[in-house]
Each structure stands twice: as C-alpha cells, then as structure tokens.
PDB file of all heavy atoms in Angstrom:
ATOM      1  N   GLN A   1       0.795  -1.224   0.000  1.00  0.00           N
ATOM      2  CA  GLN A   1       0.000   0.000   0.000  1.00  0.00           C
ATOM      3  C   GLN A   1       0.832   1.282   0.000  1.00  0.00           C
ATOM      4  O   GLN A   1       0.353   2.318  -0.449  1.00  0.00           O
ATOM      5  CB  GLN A   1      -0.955  -0.004   1.203  1.00  0.00           C
ATOM      6  CG  GLN A   1      -2.005  -1.087   1.121  1.00  0.00           C
ATOM      7  CD  GLN A   1      -2.986  -0.858  -0.011  1.00  0.00           C
ATOM      8  OE1 GLN A   1      -3.601   0.194  -0.105  1.00  0.00           O
ATOM      9  NE2 GLN A   1      -3.122  -1.840  -0.886  1.00  0.00           N
ATOM     10  N   ASP A   2       2.061   1.222   0.481  1.00  0.00           N
ATOM     11  CA  ASP A   2       2.893   2.425   0.571  1.00  0.00           C
ATOM     12  C   ASP A   2       3.940   2.516  -0.533  1.00  0.00           C
ATOM     13  O   ASP A   2       4.783   3.406  -0.510  1.00  0.00           O
ATOM     14  CB  ASP A   2       3.591   2.484   1.939  1.00  0.00           C
ATOM     15  CG  ASP A   2       2.581   2.576   3.077  1.00  0.00           C
ATOM     16  OD1 ASP A   2       1.529   3.221   2.893  1.00  0.00           O
ATOM     17  OD2 ASP A   2       2.832   1.990   4.146  1.00  0.00           O
ATOM     18  N   GLN A   3       3.896   1.617  -1.485  1.00  0.00           N
ATOM     19  CA  GLN A   3       4.904   1.586  -2.546  1.00  0.00           C
ATOM     20  C   GLN A   3       4.391   2.336  -3.773  1.00  0.00           C
ATOM     21  O   GLN A   3       3.243   2.157  -4.169  1.00  0.00           O
ATOM     22  CB  GLN A   3       5.217   0.128  -2.913  1.00  0.00           C
ATOM     23  CG  GLN A   3       6.401  -0.061  -3.813  1.00  0.00           C
ATOM     24  CD  GLN A   3       7.723   0.113  -3.091  1.00  0.00           C
ATOM     25  OE1 GLN A   3       7.784   0.133  -1.865  1.00  0.00           O
ATOM     26  NE2 GLN A   3       8.785   0.249  -3.850  1.00  0.00           N
ATOM     27  N   ASP A   4       5.233   3.171  -4.349  1.00  0.00           N
ATOM     28  CA  ASP A   4       4.884   3.857  -5.592  1.00  0.00           C
ATOM     29  C   ASP A   4       5.292   2.975  -6.768  1.00  0.00           C
ATOM     30  O   ASP A   4       6.448   2.560  -6.866  1.00  0.00           O
ATOM     31  CB  ASP A   4       5.594   5.203  -5.695  1.00  0.00           C
ATOM     32  CG  ASP A   4       5.010   6.240  -4.753  1.00  0.00           C
ATOM     33  OD1 ASP A   4       3.795   6.188  -4.504  1.00  0.00           O
ATOM     34  OD2 ASP A   4       5.764   7.104  -4.274  1.00  0.00           O
ATOM     35  N   PHE A   5       4.360   2.685  -7.645  1.00  0.00           N
ATOM     36  CA  PHE A   5       4.628   1.869  -8.818  1.00  0.00           C
ATOM     37  C   PHE A   5       4.303   2.659 -10.075  1.00  0.00           C
ATOM     38  O   PHE A   5       3.475   3.566 -10.055  1.00  0.00           O
ATOM     39  CB  PHE A   5       3.750   0.606  -8.824  1.00  0.00           C
ATOM     40  CG  PHE A   5       4.070  -0.391  -7.751  1.00  0.00           C
ATOM     41  CD1 PHE A   5       3.148  -0.690  -6.767  1.00  0.00           C
ATOM     42  CD2 PHE A   5       5.288  -1.056  -7.738  1.00  0.00           C
ATOM     43  CE1 PHE A   5       3.418  -1.629  -5.789  1.00  0.00           C
ATOM     44  CE2 PHE A   5       5.575  -1.996  -6.751  1.00  0.00           C
ATOM     45  CZ  PHE A   5       4.645  -2.282  -5.783  1.00  0.00           C
ATOM     46  N   ASP A   6       4.950   2.281 -11.157  1.00  0.00           N
ATOM     47  CA  ASP A   6       4.639   2.796 -12.487  1.00  0.00           C
ATOM     48  C   ASP A   6       4.069   1.642 -13.302  1.00  0.00           C
ATOM     49  O   ASP A   6       4.683   0.571 -13.362  1.00  0.00           O
ATOM     50  CB  ASP A   6       5.894   3.326 -13.186  1.00  0.00           C
ATOM     51  CG  ASP A   6       6.458   4.557 -12.499  1.00  0.00           C
ATOM     52  OD1 ASP A   6       5.676   5.462 -12.176  1.00  0.00           O
ATOM     53  OD2 ASP A   6       7.686   4.603 -12.301  1.00  0.00           O
ATOM     54  N   LEU A   7       2.921   1.853 -13.927  1.00  0.00           N
ATOM     55  CA  LEU A   7       2.325   0.833 -14.790  1.00  0.00           C
ATOM     56  C   LEU A   7       3.110   0.804 -16.088  1.00  0.00           C
ATOM     57  O   LEU A   7       3.104   1.770 -16.849  1.00  0.00           O
ATOM     58  CB  LEU A   7       0.849   1.126 -15.044  1.00  0.00           C
ATOM     59  CG  LEU A   7       0.097   0.111 -15.895  1.00  0.00           C
ATOM     60  CD1 LEU A   7       0.195  -1.288 -15.317  1.00  0.00           C
ATOM     61  CD2 LEU A   7      -1.346   0.528 -16.046  1.00  0.00           C
ATOM     62  N   GLU A   8       3.823  -0.302 -16.325  1.00  0.00           N
ATOM     63  CA  GLU A   8       4.747  -0.400 -17.454  1.00  0.00           C
ATOM     64  C   GLU A   8       4.276  -1.308 -18.580  1.00  0.00           C
ATOM     65  O   GLU A   8       4.606  -1.067 -19.735  1.00  0.00           O
ATOM     66  CB  GLU A   8       6.117  -0.896 -16.960  1.00  0.00           C
ATOM     67  CG  GLU A   8       6.821   0.072 -16.039  1.00  0.00           C
ATOM     68  CD  GLU A   8       7.275   1.334 -16.746  1.00  0.00           C
ATOM     69  OE1 GLU A   8       7.641   1.268 -17.924  1.00  0.00           O
ATOM     70  OE2 GLU A   8       7.241   2.403 -16.107  1.00  0.00           O
ATOM     71  N   SER A   9       3.545  -2.386 -18.247  1.00  0.00           N
ATOM     72  CA  SER A   9       3.258  -3.374 -19.281  1.00  0.00           C
ATOM     73  C   SER A   9       1.905  -4.035 -19.068  1.00  0.00           C
ATOM     74  O   SER A   9       1.353  -4.019 -17.966  1.00  0.00           O
ATOM     75  CB  SER A   9       4.352  -4.440 -19.304  1.00  0.00           C
ATOM     76  OG  SER A   9       4.370  -5.134 -18.070  1.00  0.00           O
ATOM     77  N   GLU A  10       1.406  -4.635 -20.158  1.00  0.00           N
ATOM     78  CA  GLU A  10       0.179  -5.417 -20.129  1.00  0.00           C
ATOM     79  C   GLU A  10       0.418  -6.653 -20.989  1.00  0.00           C
ATOM     80  O   GLU A  10       0.883  -6.541 -22.121  1.00  0.00           O
ATOM     81  CB  GLU A  10      -0.999  -4.629 -20.681  1.00  0.00           C
ATOM     82  CG  GLU A  10      -1.314  -3.385 -19.871  1.00  0.00           C
ATOM     83  CD  GLU A  10      -2.476  -2.601 -20.446  1.00  0.00           C
ATOM     84  OE1 GLU A  10      -3.591  -3.167 -20.519  1.00  0.00           O
ATOM     85  OE2 GLU A  10      -2.266  -1.435 -20.817  1.00  0.00           O
ATOM     86  N   ILE A  11       0.120  -7.826 -20.414  1.00  0.00           N
ATOM     87  CA  ILE A  11       0.292  -9.060 -21.169  1.00  0.00           C
ATOM     88  C   ILE A  11      -1.054  -9.757 -21.350  1.00  0.00           C
ATOM     89  O   ILE A  11      -2.001  -9.488 -20.623  1.00  0.00           O
ATOM     90  CB  ILE A  11       1.332 -10.006 -20.525  1.00  0.00           C
ATOM     91  CG1 ILE A  11       0.917 -10.441 -19.126  1.00  0.00           C
ATOM     92  CG2 ILE A  11       2.715  -9.347 -20.518  1.00  0.00           C
ATOM     93  CD1 ILE A  11       1.819 -11.527 -18.520  1.00  0.00           C
ATOM     94  N   PHE A  12      -1.095 -10.643 -22.334  1.00  0.00           N
ATOM     95  CA  PHE A  12      -2.322 -11.311 -22.754  1.00  0.00           C
ATOM     96  C   PHE A  12      -3.375 -10.272 -23.138  1.00  0.00           C
ATOM     97  O   PHE A  12      -4.551 -10.404 -22.845  1.00  0.00           O
ATOM     98  CB  PHE A  12      -2.841 -12.280 -21.687  1.00  0.00           C
ATOM     99  CG  PHE A  12      -1.975 -13.497 -21.538  1.00  0.00           C
ATOM    100  CD1 PHE A  12      -0.893 -13.501 -20.669  1.00  0.00           C
ATOM    101  CD2 PHE A  12      -2.216 -14.630 -22.299  1.00  0.00           C
ATOM    102  CE1 PHE A  12      -0.073 -14.613 -20.545  1.00  0.00           C
ATOM    103  CE2 PHE A  12      -1.404 -15.747 -22.182  1.00  0.00           C
ATOM    104  CZ  PHE A  12      -0.327 -15.746 -21.312  1.00  0.00           C
ATOM    105  N   ILE A  13      -2.898  -9.233 -23.832  1.00  0.00           N
ATOM    106  CA  ILE A  13      -3.783  -8.141 -24.232  1.00  0.00           C
ATOM    107  C   ILE A  13      -4.883  -8.658 -25.161  1.00  0.00           C
ATOM    108  O   ILE A  13      -5.983  -8.084 -25.204  1.00  0.00           O
ATOM    109  CB  ILE A  13      -2.974  -6.986 -24.865  1.00  0.00           C
ATOM    110  CG1 ILE A  13      -3.794  -5.711 -24.933  1.00  0.00           C
ATOM    111  CG2 ILE A  13      -2.396  -7.364 -26.211  1.00  0.00           C
ATOM    112  CD1 ILE A  13      -4.092  -5.076 -23.601  1.00  0.00           C
ATOM    113  N   ASP A  14      -4.602  -9.760 -25.861  1.00  0.00           N
ATOM    114  CA  ASP A  14      -5.599 -10.358 -26.748  1.00  0.00           C
ATOM    115  C   ASP A  14      -6.729 -11.051 -25.996  1.00  0.00           C
ATOM    116  O   ASP A  14      -7.749 -11.386 -26.584  1.00  0.00           O
ATOM    117  CB  ASP A  14      -4.928 -11.326 -27.728  1.00  0.00           C
ATOM    118  CG  ASP A  14      -4.047 -12.366 -27.054  1.00  0.00           C
ATOM    119  OD1 ASP A  14      -3.346 -12.031 -26.067  1.00  0.00           O
ATOM    120  OD2 ASP A  14      -4.041 -13.526 -27.514  1.00  0.00           O
ATOM    121  N   GLU A  15      -6.574 -11.257 -24.696  1.00  0.00           N
ATOM    122  CA  GLU A  15      -7.637 -11.867 -23.883  1.00  0.00           C
ATOM    123  C   GLU A  15      -8.388 -10.833 -23.043  1.00  0.00           C
ATOM    124  O   GLU A  15      -9.337 -11.174 -22.338  1.00  0.00           O
ATOM    125  CB  GLU A  15      -7.049 -12.953 -22.975  1.00  0.00           C
ATOM    126  CG  GLU A  15      -6.504 -14.138 -23.753  1.00  0.00           C
ATOM    127  CD  GLU A  15      -6.003 -15.264 -22.870  1.00  0.00           C
ATOM    128  OE1 GLU A  15      -6.480 -15.402 -21.717  1.00  0.00           O
ATOM    129  OE2 GLU A  15      -5.119 -16.019 -23.330  1.00  0.00           O
ATOM    130  N   LYS A  16      -7.974  -9.568 -23.115  1.00  0.00           N
ATOM    131  CA  LYS A  16      -8.628  -8.513 -22.334  1.00  0.00           C
ATOM    132  C   LYS A  16     -10.045  -8.292 -22.849  1.00  0.00           C
ATOM    133  O   LYS A  16     -10.255  -8.110 -24.038  1.00  0.00           O
ATOM    134  CB  LYS A  16      -7.837  -7.208 -22.442  1.00  0.00           C
ATOM    135  CG  LYS A  16      -8.395  -6.094 -21.563  1.00  0.00           C
ATOM    136  CD  LYS A  16      -7.728  -4.769 -21.851  1.00  0.00           C
ATOM    137  CE  LYS A  16      -8.322  -4.047 -23.008  1.00  0.00           C
ATOM    138  NZ  LYS A  16      -9.769  -3.829 -22.985  1.00  0.00           N
ATOM    139  N   PRO A  17     -11.035  -8.308 -21.951  1.00  0.00           N
ATOM    140  CA  PRO A  17     -12.397  -8.033 -22.395  1.00  0.00           C
ATOM    141  C   PRO A  17     -12.574  -6.551 -22.730  1.00  0.00           C
ATOM    142  O   PRO A  17     -11.788  -5.702 -22.296  1.00  0.00           O
ATOM    143  CB  PRO A  17     -13.253  -8.430 -21.183  1.00  0.00           C
ATOM    144  CG  PRO A  17     -12.344  -8.328 -20.013  1.00  0.00           C
ATOM    145  CD  PRO A  17     -10.962  -8.613 -20.514  1.00  0.00           C
ATOM    146  N   ASP A  18     -13.598  -6.250 -23.479  1.00  0.00           N
ATOM    147  CA  ASP A  18     -13.838  -4.866 -23.919  1.00  0.00           C
ATOM    148  C   ASP A  18     -14.393  -3.962 -22.819  1.00  0.00           C
ATOM    149  O   ASP A  18     -14.398  -2.753 -22.977  1.00  0.00           O
ATOM    150  CB  ASP A  18     -14.816  -4.857 -25.102  1.00  0.00           C
ATOM    151  CG  ASP A  18     -14.205  -5.455 -26.347  1.00  0.00           C
ATOM    152  OD1 ASP A  18     -12.961  -5.442 -26.486  1.00  0.00           O
ATOM    153  OD2 ASP A  18     -14.981  -5.951 -27.191  1.00  0.00           O
ATOM    154  N   TYR A  19     -14.850  -4.518 -21.698  1.00  0.00           N
ATOM    155  CA  TYR A  19     -15.536  -3.689 -20.700  1.00  0.00           C
ATOM    156  C   TYR A  19     -14.619  -2.864 -19.811  1.00  0.00           C
ATOM    157  O   TYR A  19     -15.091  -2.110 -18.964  1.00  0.00           O
ATOM    158  CB  TYR A  19     -16.518  -4.507 -19.861  1.00  0.00           C
ATOM    159  CG  TYR A  19     -15.913  -5.627 -19.030  1.00  0.00           C
ATOM    160  CD1 TYR A  19     -15.331  -5.387 -17.795  1.00  0.00           C
ATOM    161  CD2 TYR A  19     -15.973  -6.938 -19.481  1.00  0.00           C
ATOM    162  CE1 TYR A  19     -14.799  -6.417 -17.032  1.00  0.00           C
ATOM    163  CE2 TYR A  19     -15.461  -7.977 -18.728  1.00  0.00           C
ATOM    164  CZ  TYR A  19     -14.874  -7.708 -17.504  1.00  0.00           C
ATOM    165  OH  TYR A  19     -14.359  -8.733 -16.761  1.00  0.00           O
ATOM    166  N   TYR A  20     -13.304  -2.960 -19.972  1.00  0.00           N
ATOM    167  CA  TYR A  20     -12.403  -2.051 -19.259  1.00  0.00           C
ATOM    168  C   TYR A  20     -11.220  -1.702 -20.147  1.00  0.00           C
ATOM    169  O   TYR A  20     -10.899  -2.420 -21.089  1.00  0.00           O
ATOM    170  CB  TYR A  20     -11.941  -2.615 -17.904  1.00  0.00           C
ATOM    171  CG  TYR A  20     -11.029  -3.828 -17.962  1.00  0.00           C
ATOM    172  CD1 TYR A  20      -9.671  -3.691 -18.237  1.00  0.00           C
ATOM    173  CD2 TYR A  20     -11.509  -5.103 -17.695  1.00  0.00           C
ATOM    174  CE1 TYR A  20      -8.830  -4.795 -18.274  1.00  0.00           C
ATOM    175  CE2 TYR A  20     -10.681  -6.210 -17.728  1.00  0.00           C
ATOM    176  CZ  TYR A  20      -9.338  -6.039 -18.024  1.00  0.00           C
ATOM    177  OH  TYR A  20      -8.505  -7.136 -18.056  1.00  0.00           O
ATOM    178  N   ALA A  21     -10.603  -0.555 -19.834  1.00  0.00           N
ATOM    179  CA  ALA A  21      -9.424  -0.106 -20.571  1.00  0.00           C
ATOM    180  C   ALA A  21      -8.628   0.830 -19.669  1.00  0.00           C
ATOM    181  O   ALA A  21      -9.200   1.513 -18.818  1.00  0.00           O
ATOM    182  CB  ALA A  21      -9.829   0.619 -21.845  1.00  0.00           C
ATOM    183  N   PHE A  22      -7.313   0.832 -19.843  1.00  0.00           N
ATOM    184  CA  PHE A  22      -6.431   1.720 -19.091  1.00  0.00           C
ATOM    185  C   PHE A  22      -5.851   2.748 -20.053  1.00  0.00           C
ATOM    186  O   PHE A  22      -5.510   2.417 -21.193  1.00  0.00           O
ATOM    187  CB  PHE A  22      -5.304   0.920 -18.420  1.00  0.00           C
ATOM    188  CG  PHE A  22      -5.812   0.006 -17.342  1.00  0.00           C
ATOM    189  CD1 PHE A  22      -6.235  -1.280 -17.638  1.00  0.00           C
ATOM    190  CD2 PHE A  22      -5.900   0.443 -16.023  1.00  0.00           C
ATOM    191  CE1 PHE A  22      -6.725  -2.127 -16.661  1.00  0.00           C
ATOM    192  CE2 PHE A  22      -6.392  -0.393 -15.041  1.00  0.00           C
ATOM    193  CZ  PHE A  22      -6.804  -1.678 -15.360  1.00  0.00           C
ATOM    194  N   SER A  23      -5.724   3.976 -19.597  1.00  0.00           N
ATOM    195  CA  SER A  23      -5.223   5.035 -20.476  1.00  0.00           C
ATOM    196  C   SER A  23      -3.703   5.157 -20.446  1.00  0.00           C
ATOM    197  O   SER A  23      -3.138   5.875 -21.266  1.00  0.00           O
ATOM    198  CB  SER A  23      -5.861   6.382 -20.091  1.00  0.00           C
ATOM    199  OG  SER A  23      -5.492   6.744 -18.773  1.00  0.00           O
ATOM    200  N   ASN A  24      -3.032   4.462 -19.540  1.00  0.00           N
ATOM    201  CA  ASN A  24      -1.574   4.519 -19.450  1.00  0.00           C
ATOM    202  C   ASN A  24      -0.928   4.015 -20.741  1.00  0.00           C
ATOM    203  O   ASN A  24      -1.412   3.065 -21.350  1.00  0.00           O
ATOM    204  CB  ASN A  24      -1.058   3.649 -18.296  1.00  0.00           C
ATOM    205  CG  ASN A  24      -1.728   3.955 -16.990  1.00  0.00           C
ATOM    206  OD1 ASN A  24      -2.932   3.813 -16.872  1.00  0.00           O
ATOM    207  ND2 ASN A  24      -0.963   4.340 -16.008  1.00  0.00           N
ATOM    208  N   GLU A  25       0.164   4.629 -21.128  1.00  0.00           N
ATOM    209  CA  GLU A  25       0.963   4.129 -22.244  1.00  0.00           C
ATOM    210  C   GLU A  25       1.813   2.986 -21.709  1.00  0.00           C
ATOM    211  O   GLU A  25       2.646   3.187 -20.825  1.00  0.00           O
ATOM    212  CB  GLU A  25       1.859   5.243 -22.794  1.00  0.00           C
ATOM    213  CG  GLU A  25       1.109   6.348 -23.490  1.00  0.00           C
ATOM    214  CD  GLU A  25       0.430   5.884 -24.767  1.00  0.00           C
ATOM    215  OE1 GLU A  25       1.010   5.034 -25.495  1.00  0.00           O
ATOM    216  OE2 GLU A  25      -0.688   6.352 -25.040  1.00  0.00           O
ATOM    217  N   THR A  26       1.570   1.768 -22.211  1.00  0.00           N
ATOM    218  CA  THR A  26       2.264   0.584 -21.724  1.00  0.00           C
ATOM    219  C   THR A  26       2.762  -0.253 -22.895  1.00  0.00           C
ATOM    220  O   THR A  26       2.246  -0.151 -24.011  1.00  0.00           O
ATOM    221  CB  THR A  26       1.334  -0.300 -20.871  1.00  0.00           C
ATOM    222  OG1 THR A  26       0.240  -0.730 -21.679  1.00  0.00           O
ATOM    223  CG2 THR A  26       0.825   0.431 -19.641  1.00  0.00           C
ATOM    224  N   LYS A  27       3.745  -1.093 -22.610  1.00  0.00           N
ATOM    225  CA  LYS A  27       4.163  -2.113 -23.570  1.00  0.00           C
ATOM    226  C   LYS A  27       3.109  -3.205 -23.508  1.00  0.00           C
ATOM    227  O   LYS A  27       2.749  -3.658 -22.421  1.00  0.00           O
ATOM    228  CB  LYS A  27       5.532  -2.669 -23.185  1.00  0.00           C
ATOM    229  CG  LYS A  27       6.025  -3.749 -24.119  1.00  0.00           C
ATOM    230  CD  LYS A  27       7.390  -4.266 -23.697  1.00  0.00           C
ATOM    231  CE  LYS A  27       7.823  -5.382 -24.631  1.00  0.00           C
ATOM    232  NZ  LYS A  27       9.088  -5.981 -24.212  1.00  0.00           N
ATOM    233  N   LYS A  28       2.604  -3.637 -24.674  1.00  0.00           N
ATOM    234  CA  LYS A  28       1.530  -4.630 -24.715  1.00  0.00           C
ATOM    235  C   LYS A  28       1.988  -5.860 -25.492  1.00  0.00           C
ATOM    236  O   LYS A  28       2.558  -5.739 -26.567  1.00  0.00           O
ATOM    237  CB  LYS A  28       0.279  -4.025 -25.357  1.00  0.00           C
ATOM    238  CG  LYS A  28      -0.348  -2.925 -24.515  1.00  0.00           C
ATOM    239  CD  LYS A  28      -1.507  -2.269 -25.239  1.00  0.00           C
ATOM    240  CE  LYS A  28      -2.243  -1.270 -24.407  1.00  0.00           C
ATOM    241  NZ  LYS A  28      -1.479  -0.167 -23.919  1.00  0.00           N
TER     242      LYS A  28
END
C-alpha cells in the first residue's frame, strides 16, 4: 500500500475483455 509503482506493461492483451481499458501508455 505504501509503494509507488509505475504501470509499465500489459500481457495477454488479446484476452482482455472490452468492458475495461487503461489510459496509461504501456508495452503490450
């Protein structure tokens, strides 16, 4: 809870359902 993280990547992007999306620029 106290750690700062940067969202860097997304894997299995081909299995992601359409009902959510992230606006971060990530490696996919």
